[in-house]
Amino acid sequence: MINHPVPPHLLPSHHPIRRHPFTDFIANTPLPAQWEPFTLNRYTGETDPDEHLKVYITHVALYTSQDAVFCKAFPTTLKGPALEWFTTFLPYSIESFDVLSHMFSTHFAGSRPHQTTTISLLGIRQEHNESLKAFIDRFSKAALRTPHLNQEMILQCMTLTL
């Protein structure tokens, strides 16, 4: 898929300027009657795109399971560079939320946090002027980002790093 906007002078004169990349089906799908505006932070491209998608999907699923609504409402959760990215898609280029979410997640993959491993936990050391409480807090946060750890492994790693 080409990711460049179509200049207005290249569109047929009888064709109105299309200001979104959605298919007609998505564009013509109404939002649910009980729809509430989003209260979540708008995504700029600086944080984890997968986290944004999870929060977004959870919110929209309160109102509908319609794929078209998932697509149609998504750009309202973007701002700054992320909104600029969205506006570069060609008309009719997005036909499903699977396509849109995959493009979003792929484009902003560099903003994902790095996953911590058990070995990297062993590299965490208490800083010279760091209190034990501050160290344990920092270590615990890293351990939460480490998949497949159980309490025993966390305690063993922490004991080895003290």
Protein backbone atom coordinates (compact mmCIF):
# COMPACT_ATOMS: atom_id res chain seq x y z
CA MET A 1 0.00 0.00 0.00
CA ILE A 2 1.31 3.44 -0.90
CA ASN A 3 1.27 5.83 2.01
CA HIS A 4 0.97 9.14 0.17
CA PRO A 5 -1.98 11.52 -0.03
CA VAL A 6 -3.68 12.08 -3.36
CA PRO A 7 -3.34 15.74 -4.40
CA PRO A 8 -6.79 17.31 -4.94
CA HIS A 9 -5.95 18.24 -8.55
CA LEU A 10 -5.56 14.53 -9.40
CA LEU A 11 -9.10 13.67 -8.31
CA PRO A 12 -11.84 13.85 -10.94
CA SER A 13 -13.63 17.21 -10.80
CA HIS A 14 -17.01 15.56 -10.12
CA HIS A 15 -15.55 13.63 -7.18
CA PRO A 16 -15.74 15.43 -3.83
CA ILE A 17 -12.47 15.60 -1.89
CA ARG A 18 -12.33 12.59 0.41
CA ARG A 19 -10.89 13.57 3.76
CA HIS A 20 -10.40 10.10 5.21
CA PRO A 21 -8.92 6.75 4.12
CA PHE A 22 -11.95 4.58 4.89
CA THR A 23 -14.08 2.53 2.52
CA ASP A 24 -17.65 3.71 1.94
CA PHE A 25 -19.00 1.01 4.26
CA ILE A 26 -16.92 2.34 7.17
CA ALA A 27 -17.57 5.99 6.32
CA ASN A 28 -21.35 5.42 6.17
CA THR A 29 -21.62 3.43 9.41
CA PRO A 30 -23.16 5.57 12.15
CA LEU A 31 -21.75 5.69 15.65
CA PRO A 32 -23.94 3.99 18.27
CA ALA A 33 -26.70 6.18 19.75
CA GLN A 34 -25.21 5.99 23.27
CA TRP A 35 -21.69 6.91 22.04
CA GLU A 36 -19.61 8.95 24.50
CA PRO A 37 -16.55 11.00 23.55
CA PHE A 38 -13.22 9.52 24.61
CA THR A 39 -11.64 10.50 27.88
CA LEU A 40 -8.40 8.61 27.25
CA ASN A 41 -5.17 10.41 26.44
CA ARG A 42 -4.70 10.97 22.74
CA TYR A 43 -1.77 9.08 21.23
CA THR A 44 1.20 11.07 19.89
CA GLY A 45 3.54 8.25 18.89
CA GLU A 46 5.80 8.50 21.92
CA THR A 47 4.43 5.62 24.00
CA ASP A 48 3.58 1.96 23.52
CA PRO A 49 1.18 1.62 20.55
CA ASP A 50 -0.05 -1.76 21.79
CA GLU A 51 -1.04 -0.23 25.12
CA HIS A 52 -2.99 2.49 23.27
CA LEU A 53 -4.77 -0.13 21.16
CA LYS A 54 -5.71 -2.18 24.25
CA VAL A 55 -7.19 0.87 26.00
CA TYR A 56 -8.97 1.95 22.81
CA ILE A 57 -10.44 -1.49 22.10
CA THR A 58 -11.61 -1.84 25.70
CA HIS A 59 -13.37 1.52 25.48
CA VAL A 60 -15.06 0.99 22.11
CA ALA A 61 -16.15 -2.54 23.08
CA LEU A 62 -18.35 -0.94 25.76
CA TYR A 63 -20.52 0.44 22.95
CA THR A 64 -20.22 -1.90 19.99
CA SER A 65 -18.55 -4.83 18.32
CA GLN A 66 -18.90 -3.29 14.83
CA ASP A 67 -15.57 -3.24 13.06
CA ALA A 68 -16.55 -0.12 11.13
CA VAL A 69 -17.06 1.84 14.36
CA PHE A 70 -13.66 0.72 15.63
CA CYS A 71 -12.15 2.19 12.44
CA LYS A 72 -14.20 5.35 12.30
CA ALA A 73 -13.55 6.46 15.89
CA PHE A 74 -9.85 5.58 15.99
CA PRO A 75 -8.43 8.80 14.47
CA THR A 76 -10.12 10.80 17.24
CA THR A 77 -7.64 9.20 19.69
CA LEU A 78 -4.61 10.52 17.81
CA LYS A 79 -2.78 13.84 17.86
CA GLY A 80 0.48 15.35 16.73
CA PRO A 81 2.76 13.03 14.74
CA ALA A 82 0.34 10.10 15.07
CA LEU A 83 -2.50 12.12 13.55
CA GLU A 84 -0.16 13.35 10.82
CA TRP A 85 0.68 9.70 10.04
CA PHE A 86 -3.00 8.81 9.80
CA THR A 87 -3.76 11.65 7.39
CA THR A 88 -1.27 10.33 4.82
CA PHE A 89 -3.35 7.30 3.80
CA LEU A 90 -5.00 7.18 0.42
CA PRO A 91 -8.79 7.31 0.17
CA TYR A 92 -10.41 3.84 0.40
CA SER A 93 -7.16 2.29 1.70
CA ILE A 94 -8.52 1.14 5.08
CA GLU A 95 -11.15 -1.57 4.92
CA SER A 96 -11.02 -3.05 8.43
CA PHE A 97 -9.83 -2.42 11.96
CA ASP A 98 -7.41 -5.35 11.62
CA VAL A 99 -5.70 -3.51 8.76
CA LEU A 100 -5.71 -0.17 10.60
CA SER A 101 -4.47 -1.57 13.92
CA HIS A 102 -1.73 -3.59 12.19
CA MET A 103 -0.49 -0.51 10.30
CA PHE A 104 -0.63 1.54 13.51
CA SER A 105 1.20 -1.03 15.63
CA THR A 106 3.84 -1.58 12.96
CA HIS A 107 4.45 2.10 12.28
CA PHE A 108 4.88 2.98 15.96
CA ALA A 109 6.74 -0.22 16.93
CA GLY A 110 9.82 1.81 17.85
CA SER A 111 7.87 3.36 20.72
CA ARG A 112 7.29 0.03 22.43
CA PRO A 113 9.13 -0.38 25.72
CA HIS A 114 11.92 -2.91 25.70
CA GLN A 115 10.98 -6.11 27.47
CA THR A 116 13.11 -6.94 30.44
CA THR A 117 14.62 -10.42 30.69
CA THR A 118 15.64 -12.40 33.74
CA ILE A 119 19.29 -11.83 32.81
CA SER A 120 18.76 -8.06 32.59
CA LEU A 121 17.18 -8.13 36.05
CA LEU A 122 20.43 -9.56 37.37
CA GLY A 123 22.20 -6.50 35.97
CA ILE A 124 20.18 -4.08 38.08
CA ARG A 125 22.29 -2.80 40.95
CA GLN A 126 21.58 -0.49 43.84
CA GLU A 127 23.05 2.93 43.09
CA HIS A 128 25.59 4.42 45.51
CA ASN A 129 23.21 7.02 46.99
CA GLU A 130 20.01 5.05 46.39
CA SER A 131 17.93 4.01 49.39
CA LEU A 132 16.95 0.36 49.74
CA LYS A 133 13.29 1.31 49.31
CA ALA A 134 14.03 3.21 46.05
CA PHE A 135 16.07 0.26 44.77
CA ILE A 136 13.32 -2.24 45.59
CA ASP A 137 10.75 -0.01 43.87
CA ARG A 138 12.93 0.28 40.75
CA PHE A 139 13.66 -3.46 40.75
CA SER A 140 9.97 -4.31 41.23
CA LYS A 141 8.95 -2.14 38.28
CA ALA A 142 11.51 -3.89 36.07
CA ALA A 143 10.32 -7.29 37.31
CA LEU A 144 6.72 -6.40 36.35
CA ARG A 145 7.92 -5.84 32.76
CA THR A 146 9.59 -9.26 32.72
CA PRO A 147 7.38 -12.01 31.30
CA HIS A 148 7.14 -15.50 32.82
CA LEU A 149 8.57 -14.66 36.24
CA ASN A 150 7.24 -16.16 39.43
CA GLN A 151 7.69 -14.79 42.96
CA GLU A 152 10.53 -17.19 43.77
CA MET A 153 12.55 -16.11 40.72
CA ILE A 154 11.98 -12.43 41.54
CA LEU A 155 13.25 -12.93 45.09
CA GLN A 156 16.28 -14.88 43.92
CA CYS A 157 17.19 -12.21 41.37
CA MET A 158 16.71 -9.44 43.92
CA THR A 159 18.85 -11.25 46.49
CA LEU A 160 21.65 -11.71 43.95
CA THR A 161 21.60 -8.02 42.98
CA LEU A 162 21.77 -6.60 46.52
